[in-house]
Amino acid sequence: MDAAGPQVWDDMTVEVALAVMAGARTGHLLVCDNDDQRTGLVTRAQLTTVRDSAAYTDRLRLRDLSDGGGRSPRPSL
């Protein structure tokens, strides 16, 4: 993954991730696991879609969005 940008841990909630994006004035975040290994990238559009879905809860974490293949987390709702 070659994208540059703010890095966050995968245990961050969707709502906090959106706030970090707004504060950093960026459209994406690099997602890392507890070993600081990059596990994916999320965009503002992806997180907004998840937040606006009927299945959204305020406890949903970035790791919950993973596609299971180690690639960019994405909504699996």
Protein backbone atom coordinates (compact mmCIF):
# COMPACT_ATOMS: atom_id res chain seq x y z
CA MET A 1 0.00 0.00 0.00
CA ASP A 2 1.72 3.16 -1.18
CA ALA A 3 -0.87 5.76 -0.23
CA ALA A 4 0.25 8.49 2.13
CA GLY A 5 -1.95 9.96 4.79
CA PRO A 6 -2.92 9.84 8.44
CA GLN A 7 -2.65 6.40 10.04
CA VAL A 8 -5.19 5.10 12.54
CA TRP A 9 -5.69 1.81 14.36
CA ASP A 10 -8.35 -0.63 13.28
CA ASP A 11 -10.09 -0.46 16.67
CA MET A 12 -11.18 3.13 15.99
CA THR A 13 -14.92 3.61 15.56
CA VAL A 14 -16.37 4.80 12.27
CA GLU A 15 -17.61 8.03 13.86
CA VAL A 16 -14.19 8.87 15.34
CA ALA A 17 -12.50 8.04 12.02
CA LEU A 18 -14.80 10.50 10.26
CA ALA A 19 -13.91 13.15 12.85
CA VAL A 20 -10.19 12.48 12.36
CA MET A 21 -10.64 12.86 8.59
CA ALA A 22 -12.43 16.16 9.07
CA GLY A 23 -9.73 17.44 11.42
CA ALA A 24 -6.93 16.33 9.11
CA ARG A 25 -8.78 17.65 6.06
CA THR A 26 -8.22 14.43 4.18
CA GLY A 27 -10.45 12.06 2.26
CA HIS A 28 -8.85 8.83 3.45
CA LEU A 29 -7.09 7.14 6.34
CA LEU A 30 -4.55 4.35 6.40
CA VAL A 31 -5.71 1.61 8.76
CA CYS A 32 -3.16 -0.28 10.90
CA ASP A 33 -3.42 -3.27 13.21
CA ASN A 34 -1.99 -3.53 16.73
CA ASP A 35 1.44 -4.35 15.26
CA ASP A 36 1.43 -1.09 13.25
CA GLN A 37 1.09 -3.06 10.02
CA ARG A 38 -1.06 -1.38 7.39
CA THR A 39 -4.17 -3.42 6.80
CA GLY A 40 -6.13 -1.15 4.51
CA LEU A 41 -7.35 2.25 3.54
CA VAL A 42 -10.77 3.77 4.14
CA THR A 43 -12.28 6.76 2.42
CA ARG A 44 -14.73 9.34 3.65
CA ALA A 45 -17.27 8.06 1.10
CA GLN A 46 -16.97 4.48 2.43
CA LEU A 47 -17.39 5.54 6.04
CA THR A 48 -20.28 7.86 5.24
CA THR A 49 -22.05 5.01 3.44
CA VAL A 50 -21.56 2.75 6.46
CA ARG A 51 -22.70 5.44 8.92
CA ASP A 52 -25.84 6.11 6.87
CA SER A 53 -26.79 2.42 6.59
CA ALA A 54 -29.59 0.85 8.62
CA ALA A 55 -27.13 -1.63 10.19
CA TYR A 56 -24.85 1.10 11.61
CA THR A 57 -24.21 1.33 15.35
CA ASP A 58 -21.88 3.70 17.18
CA ARG A 59 -19.81 0.67 18.25
CA LEU A 60 -18.83 -0.30 14.70
CA ARG A 61 -15.02 -0.31 14.35
CA LEU A 62 -12.83 -0.04 11.28
CA ARG A 63 -11.71 -3.66 11.70
CA ASP A 64 -15.38 -4.66 11.32
CA LEU A 65 -15.30 -3.32 7.78
CA SER A 66 -12.45 -5.57 6.60
CA ASP A 67 -13.03 -7.80 3.62
CA GLY A 68 -11.00 -10.53 5.33
CA GLY A 69 -8.35 -10.60 2.63
CA GLY A 70 -6.03 -8.01 4.11
CA ARG A 71 -7.06 -5.42 1.58
CA SER A 72 -8.86 -2.14 1.98
CA PRO A 73 -11.56 -2.33 4.58
CA ARG A 74 -14.94 -1.88 3.06
CA PRO A 75 -18.52 -2.06 4.24
CA SER A 76 -19.73 -5.63 4.61
CA LEU A 77 -23.12 -4.58 5.88
